[in-house]
PDB file of all heavy atoms in Angstrom:
ATOM      1  N   ALA A   1     -95.055  88.116 225.277  1.00  0.00           N
ATOM      2  CA  ALA A   1     -95.098  87.644 226.628  1.00  0.00           C
ATOM      3  C   ALA A   1     -94.305  86.354 226.745  1.00  0.00           C
ATOM      4  O   ALA A   1     -93.640  86.146 227.727  1.00  0.00           O
ATOM      5  CB  ALA A   1     -96.562  87.357 227.006  1.00  0.00           C
ATOM      6  N   PHE A   2     -94.339  85.504 225.756  1.00  0.00           N
ATOM      7  CA  PHE A   2     -93.642  84.244 225.811  1.00  0.00           C
ATOM      8  C   PHE A   2     -92.102  84.578 225.756  1.00  0.00           C
ATOM      9  O   PHE A   2     -91.319  83.806 226.388  1.00  0.00           O
ATOM     10  CB  PHE A   2     -94.025  83.321 224.647  1.00  0.00           C
ATOM     11  CG  PHE A   2     -95.192  82.463 224.983  1.00  0.00           C
ATOM     12  CD1 PHE A   2     -96.418  82.956 224.971  1.00  0.00           C
ATOM     13  CD2 PHE A   2     -94.926  81.103 225.260  1.00  0.00           C
ATOM     14  CE1 PHE A   2     -97.554  82.102 225.259  1.00  0.00           C
ATOM     15  CE2 PHE A   2     -96.043  80.296 225.604  1.00  0.00           C
ATOM     16  CZ  PHE A   2     -97.328  80.826 225.600  1.00  0.00           C
ATOM     17  N   GLU A   3     -91.736  85.568 225.036  1.00  0.00           N
ATOM     18  CA  GLU A   3     -90.371  85.999 225.013  1.00  0.00           C
ATOM     19  C   GLU A   3     -89.803  86.343 226.371  1.00  0.00           C
ATOM     20  O   GLU A   3     -88.676  85.973 226.789  1.00  0.00           O
ATOM     21  CB  GLU A   3     -90.154  87.145 223.980  1.00  0.00           C
ATOM     22  CG  GLU A   3     -90.282  86.737 222.589  1.00  0.00           C
ATOM     23  CD  GLU A   3     -90.288  87.943 221.619  1.00  0.00           C
ATOM     24  OE1 GLU A   3     -90.434  89.095 222.118  1.00  0.00           O
ATOM     25  OE2 GLU A   3     -90.094  87.699 220.392  1.00  0.00           O
ATOM     26  N   GLU A   4     -90.611  87.057 227.123  1.00  0.00           N
ATOM     27  CA  GLU A   4     -90.204  87.430 228.498  1.00  0.00           C
ATOM     28  C   GLU A   4     -90.107  86.230 229.446  1.00  0.00           C
ATOM     29  O   GLU A   4     -89.199  86.079 230.199  1.00  0.00           O
ATOM     30  CB  GLU A   4     -91.206  88.385 229.094  1.00  0.00           C
ATOM     31  CG  GLU A   4     -91.113  89.836 228.459  1.00  0.00           C
ATOM     32  CD  GLU A   4     -89.758  90.451 228.454  1.00  0.00           C
ATOM     33  OE1 GLU A   4     -89.003  90.291 229.416  1.00  0.00           O
ATOM     34  OE2 GLU A   4     -89.438  91.065 227.435  1.00  0.00           O
ATOM     35  N   PHE A   5     -91.036  85.290 229.234  1.00  0.00           N
ATOM     36  CA  PHE A   5     -91.132  84.074 230.024  1.00  0.00           C
ATOM     37  C   PHE A   5     -89.848  83.225 229.679  1.00  0.00           C
ATOM     38  O   PHE A   5     -89.206  82.603 230.559  1.00  0.00           O
ATOM     39  CB  PHE A   5     -92.338  83.294 229.669  1.00  0.00           C
ATOM     40  CG  PHE A   5     -93.150  82.930 230.907  1.00  0.00           C
ATOM     41  CD1 PHE A   5     -93.344  83.781 231.932  1.00  0.00           C
ATOM     42  CD2 PHE A   5     -93.764  81.622 230.925  1.00  0.00           C
ATOM     43  CE1 PHE A   5     -94.029  83.436 233.051  1.00  0.00           C
ATOM     44  CE2 PHE A   5     -94.500  81.351 232.078  1.00  0.00           C
ATOM     45  CZ  PHE A   5     -94.673  82.208 233.165  1.00  0.00           C
ATOM     46  N   GLU A   6     -89.477  83.196 228.386  1.00  0.00           N
ATOM     47  CA  GLU A   6     -88.298  82.434 227.936  1.00  0.00           C
ATOM     48  C   GLU A   6     -87.043  83.033 228.545  1.00  0.00           C
ATOM     49  O   GLU A   6     -86.217  82.262 229.105  1.00  0.00           O
ATOM     50  CB  GLU A   6     -88.252  82.517 226.393  1.00  0.00           C
ATOM     51  CG  GLU A   6     -87.071  81.823 225.799  1.00  0.00           C
ATOM     52  CD  GLU A   6     -87.137  80.353 225.652  1.00  0.00           C
ATOM     53  OE1 GLU A   6     -88.260  79.811 225.937  1.00  0.00           O
ATOM     54  OE2 GLU A   6     -86.175  79.668 225.279  1.00  0.00           O
ATOM     55  N   LYS A   7     -86.962  84.361 228.546  1.00  0.00           N
ATOM     56  CA  LYS A   7     -85.746  84.998 229.224  1.00  0.00           C
ATOM     57  C   LYS A   7     -85.650  84.555 230.660  1.00  0.00           C
ATOM     58  O   LYS A   7     -84.553  84.320 231.187  1.00  0.00           O
ATOM     59  CB  LYS A   7     -85.833  86.452 229.067  1.00  0.00           C
ATOM     60  CG  LYS A   7     -85.695  87.035 227.624  1.00  0.00           C
ATOM     61  CD  LYS A   7     -85.917  88.575 227.667  1.00  0.00           C
ATOM     62  CE  LYS A   7     -85.863  89.073 226.248  1.00  0.00           C
ATOM     63  NZ  LYS A   7     -86.203  90.543 226.221  1.00  0.00           N
ATOM     64  N   GLU A   8     -86.808  84.604 231.414  1.00  0.00           N
ATOM     65  CA  GLU A   8     -86.733  84.297 232.838  1.00  0.00           C
ATOM     66  C   GLU A   8     -86.359  82.833 233.087  1.00  0.00           C
ATOM     67  O   GLU A   8     -85.573  82.577 233.965  1.00  0.00           O
ATOM     68  CB  GLU A   8     -88.061  84.632 233.450  1.00  0.00           C
ATOM     69  CG  GLU A   8     -88.192  84.365 234.915  1.00  0.00           C
ATOM     70  CD  GLU A   8     -87.201  85.162 235.772  1.00  0.00           C
ATOM     71  OE1 GLU A   8     -86.639  86.128 235.259  1.00  0.00           O
ATOM     72  OE2 GLU A   8     -87.008  84.821 236.955  1.00  0.00           O
ATOM     73  N   LEU A   9     -86.854  81.980 232.261  1.00  0.00           N
ATOM     74  CA  LEU A   9     -86.504  80.532 232.468  1.00  0.00           C
ATOM     75  C   LEU A   9     -84.987  80.323 232.187  1.00  0.00           C
ATOM     76  O   LEU A   9     -84.331  79.592 232.943  1.00  0.00           O
ATOM     77  CB  LEU A   9     -87.323  79.613 231.579  1.00  0.00           C
ATOM     78  CG  LEU A   9     -88.594  79.043 232.048  1.00  0.00           C
ATOM     79  CD1 LEU A   9     -89.303  78.313 230.947  1.00  0.00           C
ATOM     80  CD2 LEU A   9     -88.261  78.107 233.237  1.00  0.00           C
ATOM     81  N   LYS A  10     -84.453  80.975 231.138  1.00  0.00           N
ATOM     82  CA  LYS A  10     -83.080  80.860 230.859  1.00  0.00           C
ATOM     83  C   LYS A  10     -82.287  81.447 231.934  1.00  0.00           C
ATOM     84  O   LYS A  10     -81.161  80.914 232.234  1.00  0.00           O
ATOM     85  CB  LYS A  10     -82.798  81.515 229.527  1.00  0.00           C
ATOM     86  CG  LYS A  10     -83.268  80.659 228.321  1.00  0.00           C
ATOM     87  CD  LYS A  10     -82.918  81.389 226.958  1.00  0.00           C
ATOM     88  CE  LYS A  10     -83.291  80.604 225.791  1.00  0.00           C
ATOM     89  NZ  LYS A  10     -83.028  81.253 224.503  1.00  0.00           N
ATOM     90  N   ARG A  11     -82.691  82.576 232.458  1.00  0.00           N
ATOM     91  CA  ARG A  11     -81.886  83.241 233.510  1.00  0.00           C
ATOM     92  C   ARG A  11     -81.797  82.325 234.763  1.00  0.00           C
ATOM     93  O   ARG A  11     -80.742  82.321 235.431  1.00  0.00           O
ATOM     94  CB  ARG A  11     -82.597  84.557 233.995  1.00  0.00           C
ATOM     95  CG  ARG A  11     -81.828  85.390 234.955  1.00  0.00           C
ATOM     96  CD  ARG A  11     -82.648  86.494 235.567  1.00  0.00           C
ATOM     97  NE  ARG A  11     -83.744  86.079 236.376  1.00  0.00           N
ATOM     98  CZ  ARG A  11     -83.602  85.606 237.663  1.00  0.00           C
ATOM     99  NH1 ARG A  11     -82.461  85.660 238.222  1.00  0.00           N
ATOM    100  NH2 ARG A  11     -84.717  85.232 238.335  1.00  0.00           N
ATOM    101  N   ARG A  12     -82.868  81.668 235.026  1.00  0.00           N
ATOM    102  CA  ARG A  12     -82.863  80.781 236.252  1.00  0.00           C
ATOM    103  C   ARG A  12     -82.078  79.513 235.979  1.00  0.00           C
ATOM    104  O   ARG A  12     -81.395  79.099 236.939  1.00  0.00           O
ATOM    105  CB  ARG A  12     -84.322  80.379 236.565  1.00  0.00           C
ATOM    106  CG  ARG A  12     -85.224  81.485 237.189  1.00  0.00           C
ATOM    107  CD  ARG A  12     -86.667  81.092 237.310  1.00  0.00           C
ATOM    108  NE  ARG A  12     -87.503  82.201 237.858  1.00  0.00           N
ATOM    109  CZ  ARG A  12     -87.728  82.268 239.177  1.00  0.00           C
ATOM    110  NH1 ARG A  12     -87.295  81.442 240.015  1.00  0.00           N
ATOM    111  NH2 ARG A  12     -88.385  83.354 239.594  1.00  0.00           N
ATOM    112  N   GLY A  13     -82.110  78.992 234.828  1.00  0.00           N
ATOM    113  CA  GLY A  13     -81.311  77.804 234.478  1.00  0.00           C
ATOM    114  C   GLY A  13     -81.744  76.575 235.292  1.00  0.00           C
ATOM    115  O   GLY A  13     -80.952  75.693 235.515  1.00  0.00           O
ATOM    116  N   THR A  14     -82.999  76.538 235.625  1.00  0.00           N
ATOM    117  CA  THR A  14     -83.502  75.390 236.467  1.00  0.00           C
ATOM    118  C   THR A  14     -84.618  74.578 235.621  1.00  0.00           C
ATOM    119  O   THR A  14     -85.072  75.134 234.645  1.00  0.00           O
ATOM    120  CB  THR A  14     -84.131  75.847 237.821  1.00  0.00           C
ATOM    121  OG1 THR A  14     -85.075  76.902 237.503  1.00  0.00           O
ATOM    122  CG2 THR A  14     -83.014  76.433 238.682  1.00  0.00           C
ATOM    123  N   LYS A  15     -85.002  73.514 236.149  1.00  0.00           N
ATOM    124  CA  LYS A  15     -85.867  72.665 235.512  1.00  0.00           C
ATOM    125  C   LYS A  15     -87.323  73.339 235.499  1.00  0.00           C
ATOM    126  O   LYS A  15     -88.040  73.199 234.510  1.00  0.00           O
ATOM    127  CB  LYS A  15     -85.974  71.288 236.265  1.00  0.00           C
ATOM    128  CG  LYS A  15     -86.753  70.224 235.421  1.00  0.00           C
ATOM    129  CD  LYS A  15     -86.644  68.868 236.242  1.00  0.00           C
ATOM    130  CE  LYS A  15     -87.279  67.769 235.461  1.00  0.00           C
ATOM    131  NZ  LYS A  15     -87.187  66.493 236.203  1.00  0.00           N
ATOM    132  N   PHE A  16     -87.612  73.956 236.573  1.00  0.00           N
ATOM    133  CA  PHE A  16     -88.910  74.644 236.702  1.00  0.00           C
ATOM    134  C   PHE A  16     -88.692  76.036 237.231  1.00  0.00           C
ATOM    135  O   PHE A  16     -87.620  76.431 237.658  1.00  0.00           O
ATOM    136  CB  PHE A  16     -89.883  73.844 237.695  1.00  0.00           C
ATOM    137  CG  PHE A  16     -90.098  72.435 237.363  1.00  0.00           C
ATOM    138  CD1 PHE A  16     -89.499  71.420 238.047  1.00  0.00           C
ATOM    139  CD2 PHE A  16     -90.933  72.125 236.294  1.00  0.00           C
ATOM    140  CE1 PHE A  16     -89.754  70.081 237.694  1.00  0.00           C
ATOM    141  CE2 PHE A  16     -91.245  70.828 235.917  1.00  0.00           C
ATOM    142  CZ  PHE A  16     -90.645  69.773 236.586  1.00  0.00           C
ATOM    143  N   PHE A  17     -89.774  76.833 237.152  1.00  0.00           N
ATOM    144  CA  PHE A  17     -89.693  78.157 237.827  1.00  0.00           C
ATOM    145  C   PHE A  17     -89.384  78.046 239.335  1.00  0.00           C
ATOM    146  O   PHE A  17     -88.816  78.905 239.850  1.00  0.00           O
ATOM    147  CB  PHE A  17     -90.978  78.952 237.571  1.00  0.00           C
ATOM    148  CG  PHE A  17     -91.138  79.580 236.167  1.00  0.00           C
ATOM    149  CD1 PHE A  17     -91.764  78.849 235.171  1.00  0.00           C
ATOM    150  CD2 PHE A  17     -90.524  80.722 235.870  1.00  0.00           C
ATOM    151  CE1 PHE A  17     -91.921  79.373 233.886  1.00  0.00           C
ATOM    152  CE2 PHE A  17     -90.662  81.269 234.576  1.00  0.00           C
ATOM    153  CZ  PHE A  17     -91.340  80.569 233.594  1.00  0.00           C
ATOM    154  N   GLY A  18     -89.945  76.967 239.851  1.00  0.00           N
ATOM    155  CA  GLY A  18     -89.714  76.765 241.283  1.00  0.00           C
ATOM    156  C   GLY A  18     -88.398  76.043 241.668  1.00  0.00           C
ATOM    157  O   GLY A  18     -88.225  75.693 242.747  1.00  0.00           O
ATOM    158  N   GLY A  19     -87.486  76.003 240.695  1.00  0.00           N
ATOM    159  CA  GLY A  19     -86.188  75.321 240.841  1.00  0.00           C
ATOM    160  C   GLY A  19     -86.221  73.964 240.280  1.00  0.00           C
ATOM    161  O   GLY A  19     -86.587  73.784 239.114  1.00  0.00           O
ATOM    162  N   GLU A  20     -85.838  72.964 241.054  1.00  0.00           N
ATOM    163  CA  GLU A  20     -85.799  71.528 240.557  1.00  0.00           C
ATOM    164  C   GLU A  20     -87.097  70.869 240.879  1.00  0.00           C
ATOM    165  O   GLU A  20     -87.294  69.664 240.459  1.00  0.00           O
ATOM    166  CB  GLU A  20     -84.661  70.750 241.166  1.00  0.00           C
ATOM    167  CG  GLU A  20     -83.337  71.301 240.721  1.00  0.00           C
ATOM    168  CD  GLU A  20     -83.135  71.399 239.170  1.00  0.00           C
ATOM    169  OE1 GLU A  20     -83.471  70.434 238.477  1.00  0.00           O
ATOM    170  OE2 GLU A  20     -82.803  72.495 238.706  1.00  0.00           O
ATOM    171  N   THR A  21     -88.022  71.532 241.591  1.00  0.00           N
ATOM    172  CA  THR A  21     -89.386  70.963 241.852  1.00  0.00           C
ATOM    173  C   THR A  21     -90.446  71.999 241.398  1.00  0.00           C
ATOM    174  O   THR A  21     -90.143  73.225 241.347  1.00  0.00           O
ATOM    175  CB  THR A  21     -89.577  70.689 243.337  1.00  0.00           C
ATOM    176  OG1 THR A  21     -89.333  71.851 244.133  1.00  0.00           O
ATOM    177  CG2 THR A  21     -88.559  69.621 243.786  1.00  0.00           C
ATOM    178  N   ILE A  22     -91.615  71.454 241.181  1.00  0.00           N
ATOM    179  CA  ILE A  22     -92.722  72.400 240.741  1.00  0.00           C
ATOM    180  C   ILE A  22     -93.170  73.330 241.800  1.00  0.00           C
ATOM    181  O   ILE A  22     -93.329  72.906 242.987  1.00  0.00           O
ATOM    182  CB  ILE A  22     -93.907  71.483 240.203  1.00  0.00           C
ATOM    183  CG1 ILE A  22     -93.504  70.795 238.982  1.00  0.00           C
ATOM    184  CG2 ILE A  22     -95.148  72.381 240.066  1.00  0.00           C
ATOM    185  CD1 ILE A  22     -94.532  69.702 238.528  1.00  0.00           C
ATOM    186  N   GLY A  23     -93.222  74.600 241.474  1.00  0.00           N
ATOM    187  CA  GLY A  23     -93.682  75.630 242.447  1.00  0.00           C
ATOM    188  C   GLY A  23     -94.831  76.406 241.998  1.00  0.00           C
ATOM    189  O   GLY A  23     -95.602  76.105 241.070  1.00  0.00           O
ATOM    190  N   PHE A  24     -95.066  77.543 242.692  1.00  0.00           N
ATOM    191  CA  PHE A  24     -96.204  78.408 242.562  1.00  0.00           C
ATOM    192  C   PHE A  24     -96.373  78.876 241.126  1.00  0.00           C
ATOM    193  O   PHE A  24     -97.509  78.787 240.481  1.00  0.00           O
ATOM    194  CB  PHE A  24     -96.058  79.580 243.495  1.00  0.00           C
ATOM    195  CG  PHE A  24     -97.256  80.497 243.613  1.00  0.00           C
ATOM    196  CD1 PHE A  24     -98.314  80.088 244.365  1.00  0.00           C
ATOM    197  CD2 PHE A  24     -97.316  81.649 243.006  1.00  0.00           C
ATOM    198  CE1 PHE A  24     -99.432  80.917 244.542  1.00  0.00           C
ATOM    199  CE2 PHE A  24     -98.395  82.587 243.121  1.00  0.00           C
ATOM    200  CZ  PHE A  24     -99.431  82.218 243.900  1.00  0.00           C
ATOM    201  N   VAL A  25     -95.286  79.457 240.519  1.00  0.00           N
ATOM    202  CA  VAL A  25     -95.376  79.934 239.139  1.00  0.00           C
ATOM    203  C   VAL A  25     -95.691  78.893 238.132  1.00  0.00           C
ATOM    204  O   VAL A  25     -96.473  79.043 237.203  1.00  0.00           O
ATOM    205  CB  VAL A  25     -94.069  80.683 238.795  1.00  0.00           C
ATOM    206  CG1 VAL A  25     -94.145  81.293 237.337  1.00  0.00           C
ATOM    207  CG2 VAL A  25     -93.765  81.825 239.719  1.00  0.00           C
ATOM    208  N   ASP A  26     -95.063  77.680 238.346  1.00  0.00           N
ATOM    209  CA  ASP A  26     -95.303  76.585 237.450  1.00  0.00           C
ATOM    210  C   ASP A  26     -96.769  76.173 237.400  1.00  0.00           C
ATOM    211  O   ASP A  26     -97.375  75.949 236.343  1.00  0.00           O
ATOM    212  CB  ASP A  26     -94.482  75.366 237.870  1.00  0.00           C
ATOM    213  CG  ASP A  26     -92.996  75.671 237.856  1.00  0.00           C
ATOM    214  OD1 ASP A  26     -92.374  75.827 236.812  1.00  0.00           O
ATOM    215  OD2 ASP A  26     -92.396  75.756 239.001  1.00  0.00           O
ATOM    216  N   ILE A  27     -97.387  76.193 238.610  1.00  0.00           N
ATOM    217  CA  ILE A  27     -98.779  75.783 238.685  1.00  0.00           C
ATOM    218  C   ILE A  27     -99.666  76.781 238.038  1.00  0.00           C
ATOM    219  O   ILE A  27    -100.595  76.460 237.273  1.00  0.00           O
ATOM    220  CB  ILE A  27     -99.167  75.494 240.167  1.00  0.00           C
ATOM    221  CG1 ILE A  27     -98.532  74.311 240.707  1.00  0.00           C
ATOM    222  CG2 ILE A  27    -100.666  75.483 240.289  1.00  0.00           C
ATOM    223  CD1 ILE A  27     -98.767  74.090 242.207  1.00  0.00           C
ATOM    224  N   VAL A  28     -99.378  78.107 238.272  1.00  0.00           N
ATOM    225  CA  VAL A  28    -100.222  79.114 237.644  1.00  0.00           C
ATOM    226  C   VAL A  28    -100.058  79.119 236.114  1.00  0.00           C
ATOM    227  O   VAL A  28    -101.084  79.289 235.395  1.00  0.00           O
ATOM    228  CB  VAL A  28     -99.807  80.520 238.227  1.00  0.00           C
ATOM    229  CG1 VAL A  28    -100.519  81.645 237.421  1.00  0.00           C
ATOM    230  CG2 VAL A  28    -100.133  80.625 239.709  1.00  0.00           C
ATOM    231  N   ALA A  29     -98.823  78.973 235.698  1.00  0.00           N
ATOM    232  CA  ALA A  29     -98.630  78.917 234.152  1.00  0.00           C
ATOM    233  C   ALA A  29     -98.872  77.590 233.591  1.00  0.00           C
ATOM    234  O   ALA A  29     -98.771  77.428 232.317  1.00  0.00           O
ATOM    235  CB  ALA A  29     -97.134  79.379 233.979  1.00  0.00           C
ATOM    236  N   GLY A  30     -99.178  76.564 234.421  1.00  0.00           N
ATOM    237  CA  GLY A  30     -99.194  75.209 233.911  1.00  0.00           C
ATOM    238  C   GLY A  30    -100.193  74.939 232.807  1.00  0.00           C
ATOM    239  O   GLY A  30    -100.037  73.973 232.000  1.00  0.00           O
ATOM    240  N   CYS A  31    -101.325  75.663 232.661  1.00  0.00           N
ATOM    241  CA  CYS A  31    -102.281  75.410 231.609  1.00  0.00           C
ATOM    242  C   CYS A  31    -101.685  75.595 230.242  1.00  0.00           C
ATOM    243  O   CYS A  31    -102.185  74.960 229.254  1.00  0.00           O
ATOM    244  CB  CYS A  31    -103.423  76.300 231.790  1.00  0.00           C
ATOM    245  SG  CYS A  31    -103.138  78.141 231.666  1.00  0.00           S
ATOM    246  N   ILE A  32    -100.589  76.326 230.119  1.00  0.00           N
ATOM    247  CA  ILE A  32     -99.872  76.467 228.857  1.00  0.00           C
ATOM    248  C   ILE A  32     -99.496  75.062 228.312  1.00  0.00           C
ATOM    249  O   ILE A  32     -99.565  74.772 227.101  1.00  0.00           O
ATOM    250  CB  ILE A  32     -98.541  77.274 229.009  1.00  0.00           C
ATOM    251  CG1 ILE A  32     -98.940  78.767 229.404  1.00  0.00           C
ATOM    252  CG2 ILE A  32     -97.791  77.307 227.719  1.00  0.00           C
ATOM    253  CD1 ILE A  32     -97.664  79.520 229.763  1.00  0.00           C
ATOM    254  N   SER A  33     -99.055  74.174 229.239  1.00  0.00           N
ATOM    255  CA  SER A  33     -98.490  72.911 228.781  1.00  0.00           C
ATOM    256  C   SER A  33     -99.482  72.019 228.083  1.00  0.00           C
ATOM    257  O   SER A  33     -99.118  71.311 227.111  1.00  0.00           O
ATOM    258  CB  SER A  33     -97.986  72.198 230.066  1.00  0.00           C
ATOM    259  OG  SER A  33     -99.137  71.833 230.937  1.00  0.00           O
ATOM    260  N   TYR A  34    -100.794  72.082 228.400  1.00  0.00           N
ATOM    261  CA  TYR A  34    -101.688  71.183 227.794  1.00  0.00           C
ATOM    262  C   TYR A  34    -102.794  71.872 227.012  1.00  0.00           C
ATOM    263  O   TYR A  34    -103.456  71.236 226.143  1.00  0.00           O
ATOM    264  CB  TYR A  34    -102.286  70.178 228.831  1.00  0.00           C
ATOM    265  CG  TYR A  34    -103.266  70.825 229.827  1.00  0.00           C
ATOM    266  CD1 TYR A  34    -104.666  70.762 229.563  1.00  0.00           C
ATOM    267  CD2 TYR A  34    -102.763  71.489 230.934  1.00  0.00           C
ATOM    268  CE1 TYR A  34    -105.575  71.328 230.477  1.00  0.00           C
ATOM    269  CE2 TYR A  34    -103.677  72.048 231.755  1.00  0.00           C
ATOM    270  CZ  TYR A  34    -105.061  71.964 231.576  1.00  0.00           C
ATOM    271  OH  TYR A  34    -105.875  72.534 232.431  1.00  0.00           O
ATOM    272  N   GLN A  35    -103.076  73.144 227.346  1.00  0.00           N
ATOM    273  CA  GLN A  35    -104.190  73.819 226.660  1.00  0.00           C
ATOM    274  C   GLN A  35    -103.686  74.633 225.450  1.00  0.00           C
ATOM    275  O   GLN A  35    -104.403  74.899 224.471  1.00  0.00           O
ATOM    276  CB  GLN A  35    -104.959  74.686 227.624  1.00  0.00           C
ATOM    277  CG  GLN A  35    -105.793  74.009 228.596  1.00  0.00           C
ATOM    278  CD  GLN A  35    -106.818  74.916 229.323  1.00  0.00           C
ATOM    279  OE1 GLN A  35    -106.617  76.170 229.384  1.00  0.00           O
ATOM    280  NE2 GLN A  35    -107.878  74.413 229.812  1.00  0.00           N
ATOM    281  N   LEU A  36    -102.532  75.118 225.519  1.00  0.00           N
ATOM    282  CA  LEU A  36    -101.974  75.915 224.374  1.00  0.00           C
ATOM    283  C   LEU A  36    -102.126  75.280 222.964  1.00  0.00           C
ATOM    284  O   LEU A  36    -102.545  75.919 222.059  1.00  0.00           O
ATOM    285  CB  LEU A  36    -100.502  76.356 224.657  1.00  0.00           C
ATOM    286  CG  LEU A  36     -99.907  77.256 223.549  1.00  0.00           C
ATOM    287  CD1 LEU A  36    -100.671  78.486 223.322  1.00  0.00           C
ATOM    288  CD2 LEU A  36     -98.438  77.581 223.877  1.00  0.00           C
TER     289      LEU A  36
END
């Protein structure tokens, strides 16, 4: 699952899934950042 997420982030080439600002996907996936 992380491999697919990695591919999508690289494809976008942006700071966040929401572009240069935090968006919907970033918030839903955000627990990864501090709970993982």
